[in-house]
Amino acid sequence: MSEFRALRLRSRRPADPDLAPLRVRSCRDLCEWNRTPVERRGEPMFACRGCGSQWVPSEQWTPRDSNGAVPPEVLDIVAADP
């Protein structure tokens, strides 16, 4: 029984954002991207309030809000990338 309890306790640890895969879900025309307080491998992480997708600057795509605009903070990061 003690092994089972130890397994349960281990599974309750918060996920390490550096190891967990980014969530990428289908857009539902509700997109609103915002920076989160979480960093992933030293990069700022953004999340969509509409679908829950996540984005970091090293991704090969650029998030857009439901109106088609790139959020200003994301645009600053993308524009600064050489």
PDB file of N, CA and C in Angstrom:
ATOM      1  N   MET A   1       0.806  -1.192   0.000  1.00  0.00           N
ATOM      2  CA  MET A   1       0.000   0.000   0.000  1.00  0.00           C
ATOM      3  C   MET A   1       0.855   1.264   0.000  1.00  0.00           C
ATOM      4  N   SER A   2       2.003   1.230   0.648  1.00  0.00           N
ATOM      5  CA  SER A   2       2.827   2.427   0.733  1.00  0.00           C
ATOM      6  C   SER A   2       3.342   2.841  -0.648  1.00  0.00           C
ATOM      7  N   GLU A   3       3.562   1.873  -1.550  1.00  0.00           N
ATOM      8  CA  GLU A   3       4.001   2.207  -2.901  1.00  0.00           C
ATOM      9  C   GLU A   3       2.911   2.974  -3.641  1.00  0.00           C
ATOM     10  N   PHE A   4       1.669   2.557  -3.461  1.00  0.00           N
ATOM     11  CA  PHE A   4       0.554   3.238  -4.101  1.00  0.00           C
ATOM     12  C   PHE A   4       0.431   4.665  -3.585  1.00  0.00           C
ATOM     13  N   ARG A   5       0.584   4.852  -2.296  1.00  0.00           N
ATOM     14  CA  ARG A   5       0.499   6.190  -1.706  1.00  0.00           C
ATOM     15  C   ARG A   5       1.611   7.083  -2.248  1.00  0.00           C
ATOM     16  N   ALA A   6       2.806   6.545  -2.364  1.00  0.00           N
ATOM     17  CA  ALA A   6       3.927   7.322  -2.892  1.00  0.00           C
ATOM     18  C   ALA A   6       3.662   7.710  -4.347  1.00  0.00           C
ATOM     19  N   LEU A   7       3.081   6.812  -5.109  1.00  0.00           N
ATOM     20  CA  LEU A   7       2.752   7.101  -6.496  1.00  0.00           C
ATOM     21  C   LEU A   7       1.714   8.213  -6.573  1.00  0.00           C
ATOM     22  N   ARG A   8       0.703   8.172  -5.725  1.00  0.00           N
ATOM     23  CA  ARG A   8      -0.324   9.211  -5.696  1.00  0.00           C
ATOM     24  C   ARG A   8       0.276  10.567  -5.340  1.00  0.00           C
ATOM     25  N   LEU A   9       1.180  10.587  -4.376  1.00  0.00           N
ATOM     26  CA  LEU A   9       1.802  11.846  -3.970  1.00  0.00           C
ATOM     27  C   LEU A   9       2.665  12.418  -5.088  1.00  0.00           C
ATOM     28  N   ARG A  10       3.375  11.555  -5.808  1.00  0.00           N
ATOM     29  CA  ARG A  10       4.204  12.004  -6.922  1.00  0.00           C
ATOM     30  C   ARG A  10       3.354  12.591  -8.045  1.00  0.00           C
ATOM     31  N   SER A  11       2.189  12.017  -8.274  1.00  0.00           N
ATOM     32  CA  SER A  11       1.346  12.493  -9.367  1.00  0.00           C
ATOM     33  C   SER A  11       0.710  13.843  -9.057  1.00  0.00           C
ATOM     34  N   ARG A  12       0.723  14.278  -7.817  1.00  0.00           N
ATOM     35  CA  ARG A  12       0.136  15.561  -7.443  1.00  0.00           C
ATOM     36  C   ARG A  12       1.100  16.730  -7.597  1.00  0.00           C
ATOM     37  N   ARG A  13       2.342  16.450  -7.899  1.00  0.00           N
ATOM     38  CA  ARG A  13       3.309  17.527  -8.095  1.00  0.00           C
ATOM     39  C   ARG A  13       2.905  18.344  -9.307  1.00  0.00           C
ATOM     40  N   PRO A  14       3.109  19.664  -9.242  1.00  0.00           N
ATOM     41  CA  PRO A  14       2.781  20.481 -10.420  1.00  0.00           C
ATOM     42  C   PRO A  14       3.694  20.116 -11.588  1.00  0.00           C
ATOM     43  N   ALA A  15       3.162  20.177 -12.784  1.00  0.00           N
ATOM     44  CA  ALA A  15       3.944  19.846 -13.971  1.00  0.00           C
ATOM     45  C   ALA A  15       5.047  20.882 -14.177  1.00  0.00           C
ATOM     46  N   ASP A  16       6.215  20.424 -14.569  1.00  0.00           N
ATOM     47  CA  ASP A  16       7.333  21.304 -14.879  1.00  0.00           C
ATOM     48  C   ASP A  16       7.083  21.903 -16.262  1.00  0.00           C
ATOM     49  N   PRO A  17       6.916  23.228 -16.376  1.00  0.00           N
ATOM     50  CA  PRO A  17       6.603  23.817 -17.677  1.00  0.00           C
ATOM     51  C   PRO A  17       7.689  23.603 -18.721  1.00  0.00           C
ATOM     52  N   ASP A  18       8.920  23.329 -18.288  1.00  0.00           N
ATOM     53  CA  ASP A  18       9.987  23.065 -19.245  1.00  0.00           C
ATOM     54  C   ASP A  18       9.862  21.690 -19.890  1.00  0.00           C
ATOM     55  N   LEU A  19       9.166  20.770 -19.235  1.00  0.00           N
ATOM     56  CA  LEU A  19       9.049  19.413 -19.749  1.00  0.00           C
ATOM     57  C   LEU A  19       7.693  19.112 -20.363  1.00  0.00           C
ATOM     58  N   ALA A  20       6.677  19.784 -19.909  1.00  0.00           N
ATOM     59  CA  ALA A  20       5.324  19.519 -20.403  1.00  0.00           C
ATOM     60  C   ALA A  20       5.179  20.051 -21.827  1.00  0.00           C
ATOM     61  N   PRO A  21       4.485  19.319 -22.691  1.00  0.00           N
ATOM     62  CA  PRO A  21       4.265  19.831 -24.051  1.00  0.00           C
ATOM     63  C   PRO A  21       3.329  21.029 -24.032  1.00  0.00           C
ATOM     64  N   LEU A  22       3.504  21.920 -24.982  1.00  0.00           N
ATOM     65  CA  LEU A  22       2.602  23.058 -25.112  1.00  0.00           C
ATOM     66  C   LEU A  22       1.228  22.564 -25.542  1.00  0.00           C
ATOM     67  N   ARG A  23       0.189  23.214 -25.048  1.00  0.00           N
ATOM     68  CA  ARG A  23      -1.165  22.898 -25.495  1.00  0.00           C
ATOM     69  C   ARG A  23      -1.438  23.671 -26.772  1.00  0.00           C
ATOM     70  N   VAL A  24      -1.848  22.968 -27.806  1.00  0.00           N
ATOM     71  CA  VAL A  24      -2.233  23.611 -29.060  1.00  0.00           C
ATOM     72  C   VAL A  24      -3.568  23.000 -29.454  1.00  0.00           C
ATOM     73  N   ARG A  25      -4.586  23.833 -29.428  1.00  0.00           N
ATOM     74  CA  ARG A  25      -5.940  23.369 -29.721  1.00  0.00           C
ATOM     75  C   ARG A  25      -6.508  24.141 -30.897  1.00  0.00           C
ATOM     76  N   SER A  26      -7.563  23.614 -31.453  1.00  0.00           N
ATOM     77  CA  SER A  26      -8.231  24.284 -32.567  1.00  0.00           C
ATOM     78  C   SER A  26      -8.841  25.599 -32.099  1.00  0.00           C
ATOM     79  N   CYS A  27      -8.700  26.605 -32.929  1.00  0.00           N
ATOM     80  CA  CYS A  27      -9.271  27.912 -32.604  1.00  0.00           C
ATOM     81  C   CYS A  27     -10.797  27.830 -32.668  1.00  0.00           C
ATOM     82  N   ARG A  28     -11.433  28.519 -31.745  1.00  0.00           N
ATOM     83  CA  ARG A  28     -12.893  28.552 -31.717  1.00  0.00           C
ATOM     84  C   ARG A  28     -13.407  29.969 -31.937  1.00  0.00           C
ATOM     85  N   ASP A  29     -12.634  30.782 -32.629  1.00  0.00           N
ATOM     86  CA  ASP A  29     -12.983  32.183 -32.874  1.00  0.00           C
ATOM     87  C   ASP A  29     -13.179  32.967 -31.580  1.00  0.00           C
ATOM     88  N   LEU A  30     -12.491  32.565 -30.530  1.00  0.00           N
ATOM     89  CA  LEU A  30     -12.558  33.244 -29.244  1.00  0.00           C
ATOM     90  C   LEU A  30     -11.169  33.704 -28.798  1.00  0.00           C
ATOM     91  N   CYS A  31     -10.218  33.674 -29.700  1.00  0.00           N
ATOM     92  CA  CYS A  31      -8.821  33.873 -29.322  1.00  0.00           C
ATOM     93  C   CYS A  31      -8.555  35.245 -28.705  1.00  0.00           C
ATOM     94  N   GLU A  32      -7.860  35.182 -27.594  1.00  0.00           N
ATOM     95  CA  GLU A  32      -7.367  36.379 -26.906  1.00  0.00           C
ATOM     96  C   GLU A  32      -6.086  35.967 -26.197  1.00  0.00           C
ATOM     97  N   TRP A  33      -4.954  36.319 -26.792  1.00  0.00           N
ATOM     98  CA  TRP A  33      -3.658  35.888 -26.289  1.00  0.00           C
ATOM     99  C   TRP A  33      -3.125  36.851 -25.240  1.00  0.00           C
ATOM    100  N   ASN A  34      -2.603  36.268 -24.153  1.00  0.00           N
ATOM    101  CA  ASN A  34      -2.040  37.049 -23.054  1.00  0.00           C
ATOM    102  C   ASN A  34      -0.795  36.357 -22.530  1.00  0.00           C
ATOM    103  N   ARG A  35       0.133  37.164 -22.058  1.00  0.00           N
ATOM    104  CA  ARG A  35       1.339  36.613 -21.437  1.00  0.00           C
ATOM    105  C   ARG A  35       0.979  36.017 -20.082  1.00  0.00           C
ATOM    106  N   THR A  36       1.583  34.886 -19.774  1.00  0.00           N
ATOM    107  CA  THR A  36       1.365  34.241 -18.483  1.00  0.00           C
ATOM    108  C   THR A  36       2.567  34.522 -17.583  1.00  0.00           C
ATOM    109  N   PRO A  37       2.461  34.247 -16.298  1.00  0.00           N
ATOM    110  CA  PRO A  37       3.620  34.424 -15.411  1.00  0.00           C
ATOM    111  C   PRO A  37       4.635  33.293 -15.534  1.00  0.00           C
ATOM    112  N   VAL A  38       4.337  32.306 -16.356  1.00  0.00           N
ATOM    113  CA  VAL A  38       5.188  31.118 -16.512  1.00  0.00           C
ATOM    114  C   VAL A  38       6.213  31.350 -17.614  1.00  0.00           C
ATOM    115  N   GLU A  39       7.418  30.852 -17.382  1.00  0.00           N
ATOM    116  CA  GLU A  39       8.438  30.825 -18.430  1.00  0.00           C
ATOM    117  C   GLU A  39       8.718  29.380 -18.780  1.00  0.00           C
ATOM    118  N   ARG A  40       9.007  29.142 -20.033  1.00  0.00           N
ATOM    119  CA  ARG A  40       9.330  27.793 -20.503  1.00  0.00           C
ATOM    120  C   ARG A  40      10.693  27.863 -21.166  1.00  0.00           C
ATOM    121  N   ARG A  41      11.662  27.194 -20.557  1.00  0.00           N
ATOM    122  CA  ARG A  41      13.045  27.200 -21.039  1.00  0.00           C
ATOM    123  C   ARG A  41      13.556  28.613 -21.264  1.00  0.00           C
ATOM    124  N   GLY A  42      13.195  29.504 -20.336  1.00  0.00           N
ATOM    125  CA  GLY A  42      13.670  30.877 -20.384  1.00  0.00           C
ATOM    126  C   GLY A  42      12.888  31.791 -21.309  1.00  0.00           C
ATOM    127  N   GLU A  43      11.859  31.275 -21.945  1.00  0.00           N
ATOM    128  CA  GLU A  43      11.044  32.089 -22.847  1.00  0.00           C
ATOM    129  C   GLU A  43       9.721  32.436 -22.185  1.00  0.00           C
ATOM    130  N   PRO A  44       9.176  33.616 -22.484  1.00  0.00           N
ATOM    131  CA  PRO A  44       7.857  33.946 -21.941  1.00  0.00           C
ATOM    132  C   PRO A  44       6.794  33.056 -22.582  1.00  0.00           C
ATOM    133  N   MET A  45       5.839  32.613 -21.784  1.00  0.00           N
ATOM    134  CA  MET A  45       4.762  31.785 -22.310  1.00  0.00           C
ATOM    135  C   MET A  45       3.489  32.621 -22.413  1.00  0.00           C
ATOM    136  N   PHE A  46       2.805  32.466 -23.520  1.00  0.00           N
ATOM    137  CA  PHE A  46       1.523  33.119 -23.751  1.00  0.00           C
ATOM    138  C   PHE A  46       0.452  32.044 -23.808  1.00  0.00           C
ATOM    139  N   ALA A  47      -0.767  32.408 -23.438  1.00  0.00           N
ATOM    140  CA  ALA A  47      -1.879  31.459 -23.491  1.00  0.00           C
ATOM    141  C   ALA A  47      -3.107  32.161 -24.055  1.00  0.00           C
ATOM    142  N   CYS A  48      -3.913  31.384 -24.757  1.00  0.00           N
ATOM    143  CA  CYS A  48      -5.152  31.895 -25.324  1.00  0.00           C
ATOM    144  C   CYS A  48      -6.275  31.686 -24.316  1.00  0.00           C
ATOM    145  N   ARG A  49      -6.997  32.753 -24.017  1.00  0.00           N
ATOM    146  CA  ARG A  49      -8.118  32.646 -23.085  1.00  0.00           C
ATOM    147  C   ARG A  49      -9.317  31.952 -23.711  1.00  0.00           C
ATOM    148  N   GLY A  50      -9.348  31.871 -25.032  1.00  0.00           N
ATOM    149  CA  GLY A  50     -10.475  31.257 -25.717  1.00  0.00           C
ATOM    150  C   GLY A  50     -10.400  29.748 -25.779  1.00  0.00           C
ATOM    151  N   CYS A  51      -9.255  29.218 -26.222  1.00  0.00           N
ATOM    152  CA  CYS A  51      -9.150  27.767 -26.411  1.00  0.00           C
ATOM    153  C   CYS A  51      -8.139  27.091 -25.496  1.00  0.00           C
ATOM    154  N   GLY A  52      -7.308  27.879 -24.805  1.00  0.00           N
ATOM    155  CA  GLY A  52      -6.333  27.289 -23.890  1.00  0.00           C
ATOM    156  C   GLY A  52      -5.006  26.923 -24.528  1.00  0.00           C
ATOM    157  N   SER A  53      -4.817  27.254 -25.816  1.00  0.00           N
ATOM    158  CA  SER A  53      -3.533  26.963 -26.457  1.00  0.00           C
ATOM    159  C   SER A  53      -2.429  27.786 -25.808  1.00  0.00           C
ATOM    160  N   GLN A  54      -1.201  27.313 -25.980  1.00  0.00           N
ATOM    161  CA  GLN A  54      -0.046  28.003 -25.422  1.00  0.00           C
ATOM    162  C   GLN A  54       0.953  28.284 -26.534  1.00  0.00           C
ATOM    163  N   TRP A  55       1.770  29.331 -26.337  1.00  0.00           N
ATOM    164  CA  TRP A  55       2.764  29.714 -27.338  1.00  0.00           C
ATOM    165  C   TRP A  55       3.988  30.286 -26.650  1.00  0.00           C
ATOM    166  N   VAL A  56       5.166  29.963 -27.185  1.00  0.00           N
ATOM    167  CA  VAL A  56       6.432  30.580 -26.793  1.00  0.00           C
ATOM    168  C   VAL A  56       7.111  31.059 -28.073  1.00  0.00           C
ATOM    169  N   PRO A  57       7.977  32.056 -27.993  1.00  0.00           N
ATOM    170  CA  PRO A  57       8.583  32.638 -29.201  1.00  0.00           C
ATOM    171  C   PRO A  57       9.348  31.660 -30.095  1.00  0.00           C
ATOM    172  N   SER A  58       9.827  30.550 -29.576  1.00  0.00           N
ATOM    173  CA  SER A  58      10.561  29.607 -30.429  1.00  0.00           C
ATOM    174  C   SER A  58       9.643  28.768 -31.314  1.00  0.00           C
ATOM    175  N   GLU A  59       8.339  28.860 -31.134  1.00  0.00           N
ATOM    176  CA  GLU A  59       7.397  28.145 -32.004  1.00  0.00           C
ATOM    177  C   GLU A  59       7.460  28.728 -33.411  1.00  0.00           C
ATOM    178  N   GLN A  60       7.143  27.923 -34.406  1.00  0.00           N
ATOM    179  CA  GLN A  60       7.235  28.344 -35.803  1.00  0.00           C
ATOM    180  C   GLN A  60       5.968  29.032 -36.317  1.00  0.00           C
ATOM    181  N   TRP A  61       5.074  29.393 -35.449  1.00  0.00           N
ATOM    182  CA  TRP A  61       3.839  30.071 -35.829  1.00  0.00           C
ATOM    183  C   TRP A  61       3.640  31.264 -34.905  1.00  0.00           C
ATOM    184  N   THR A  62       2.769  32.164 -35.278  1.00  0.00           N
ATOM    185  CA  THR A  62       2.513  33.371 -34.498  1.00  0.00           C
ATOM    186  C   THR A  62       1.040  33.416 -34.111  1.00  0.00           C
ATOM    187  N   PRO A  63       0.751  33.570 -32.833  1.00  0.00           N
ATOM    188  CA  PRO A  63      -0.651  33.607 -32.410  1.00  0.00           C
ATOM    189  C   PRO A  63      -1.354  34.884 -32.855  1.00  0.00           C
ATOM    190  N   ARG A  64      -2.635  34.756 -33.116  1.00  0.00           N
ATOM    191  CA  ARG A  64      -3.465  35.900 -33.501  1.00  0.00           C
ATOM    192  C   ARG A  64      -4.746  35.885 -32.679  1.00  0.00           C
ATOM    193  N   ASP A  65      -5.200  37.066 -32.347  1.00  0.00           N
ATOM    194  CA  ASP A  65      -6.479  37.186 -31.646  1.00  0.00           C
ATOM    195  C   ASP A  65      -7.621  36.895 -32.620  1.00  0.00           C
ATOM    196  N   SER A  66      -8.829  36.799 -32.114  1.00  0.00           N
ATOM    197  CA  SER A  66      -9.979  36.452 -32.957  1.00  0.00           C
ATOM    198  C   SER A  66     -10.243  37.481 -34.055  1.00  0.00           C
ATOM    199  N   ASN A  67      -9.773  38.706 -33.882  1.00  0.00           N
ATOM    200  CA  ASN A  67      -9.953  39.730 -34.917  1.00  0.00           C
ATOM    201  C   ASN A  67      -8.851  39.689 -35.974  1.00  0.00           C
ATOM    202  N   GLY A  68      -7.923  38.735 -35.864  1.00  0.00           N
ATOM    203  CA  GLY A  68      -6.841  38.569 -36.829  1.00  0.00           C
ATOM    204  C   GLY A  68      -5.577  39.331 -36.493  1.00  0.00           C
ATOM    205  N   ALA A  69      -5.615  40.160 -35.467  1.00  0.00           N
ATOM    206  CA  ALA A  69      -4.447  40.964 -35.088  1.00  0.00           C
ATOM    207  C   ALA A  69      -3.493  40.160 -34.202  1.00  0.00           C
ATOM    208  N   VAL A  70      -2.211  40.404 -34.408  1.00  0.00           N
ATOM    209  CA  VAL A  70      -1.195  39.824 -33.531  1.00  0.00           C
ATOM    210  C   VAL A  70      -1.145  40.706 -32.291  1.00  0.00           C
ATOM    211  N   PRO A  71      -1.241  40.111 -31.098  1.00  0.00           N
ATOM    212  CA  PRO A  71      -1.187  40.926 -29.873  1.00  0.00           C
ATOM    213  C   PRO A  71       0.100  41.759 -29.828  1.00  0.00           C
ATOM    214  N   PRO A  72       0.028  43.006 -29.354  1.00  0.00           N
ATOM    215  CA  PRO A  72       1.192  43.901 -29.359  1.00  0.00           C
ATOM    216  C   PRO A  72       2.439  43.315 -28.699  1.00  0.00           C
ATOM    217  N   GLU A  73       2.287  42.642 -27.573  1.00  0.00           N
ATOM    218  CA  GLU A  73       3.444  42.080 -26.885  1.00  0.00           C
ATOM    219  C   GLU A  73       4.095  40.961 -27.721  1.00  0.00           C
ATOM    220  N   VAL A  74       3.284  40.168 -28.394  1.00  0.00           N
ATOM    221  CA  VAL A  74       3.800  39.125 -29.287  1.00  0.00           C
ATOM    222  C   VAL A  74       4.485  39.774 -30.485  1.00  0.00           C
ATOM    223  N   LEU A  75       3.874  40.793 -31.037  1.00  0.00           N
ATOM    224  CA  LEU A  75       4.444  41.496 -32.194  1.00  0.00           C
ATOM    225  C   LEU A  75       5.811  42.077 -31.862  1.00  0.00           C
ATOM    226  N   ASP A  76       5.960  42.637 -30.659  1.00  0.00           N
ATOM    227  CA  ASP A  76       7.264  43.169 -30.231  1.00  0.00           C
ATOM    228  C   ASP A  76       8.324  42.072 -30.211  1.00  0.00           C
ATOM    229  N   ILE A  77       7.962  40.904 -29.698  1.00  0.00           N
ATOM    230  CA  ILE A  77       8.905  39.785 -29.609  1.00  0.00           C
ATOM    231  C   ILE A  77       9.267  39.278 -30.997  1.00  0.00           C
ATOM    232  N   VAL A  78       8.271  39.104 -31.856  1.00  0.00           N
ATOM    233  CA  VAL A  78       8.503  38.586 -33.211  1.00  0.00           C
ATOM    234  C   VAL A  78       9.329  39.577 -34.025  1.00  0.00           C
ATOM    235  N   ALA A  79       9.042  40.864 -33.887  1.00  0.00           N
ATOM    236  CA  ALA A  79       9.768  41.894 -34.632  1.00  0.00           C
ATOM    237  C   ALA A  79      11.234  41.995 -34.191  1.00  0.00           C
ATOM    238  N   ALA A  80      11.505  41.706 -32.924  1.00  0.00           N
ATOM    239  CA  ALA A  80      12.868  41.793 -32.398  1.00  0.00           C
ATOM    240  C   ALA A  80      13.720  40.584 -32.775  1.00  0.00           C
ATOM    241  N   ASP A  81      13.084  39.491 -33.196  1.00  0.00           N
ATOM    242  CA  ASP A  81      13.802  38.271 -33.555  1.00  0.00           C
ATOM    243  C   ASP A  81      14.515  38.477 -34.903  1.00  0.00           C
ATOM    244  N   PRO A  82      15.861  38.304 -34.918  1.00  0.00           N
ATOM    245  CA  PRO A  82      16.621  38.538 -36.160  1.00  0.00           C
ATOM    246  C   PRO A  82      16.341  37.526 -37.251  1.00  0.00           C
TER     247      PRO A  82
END
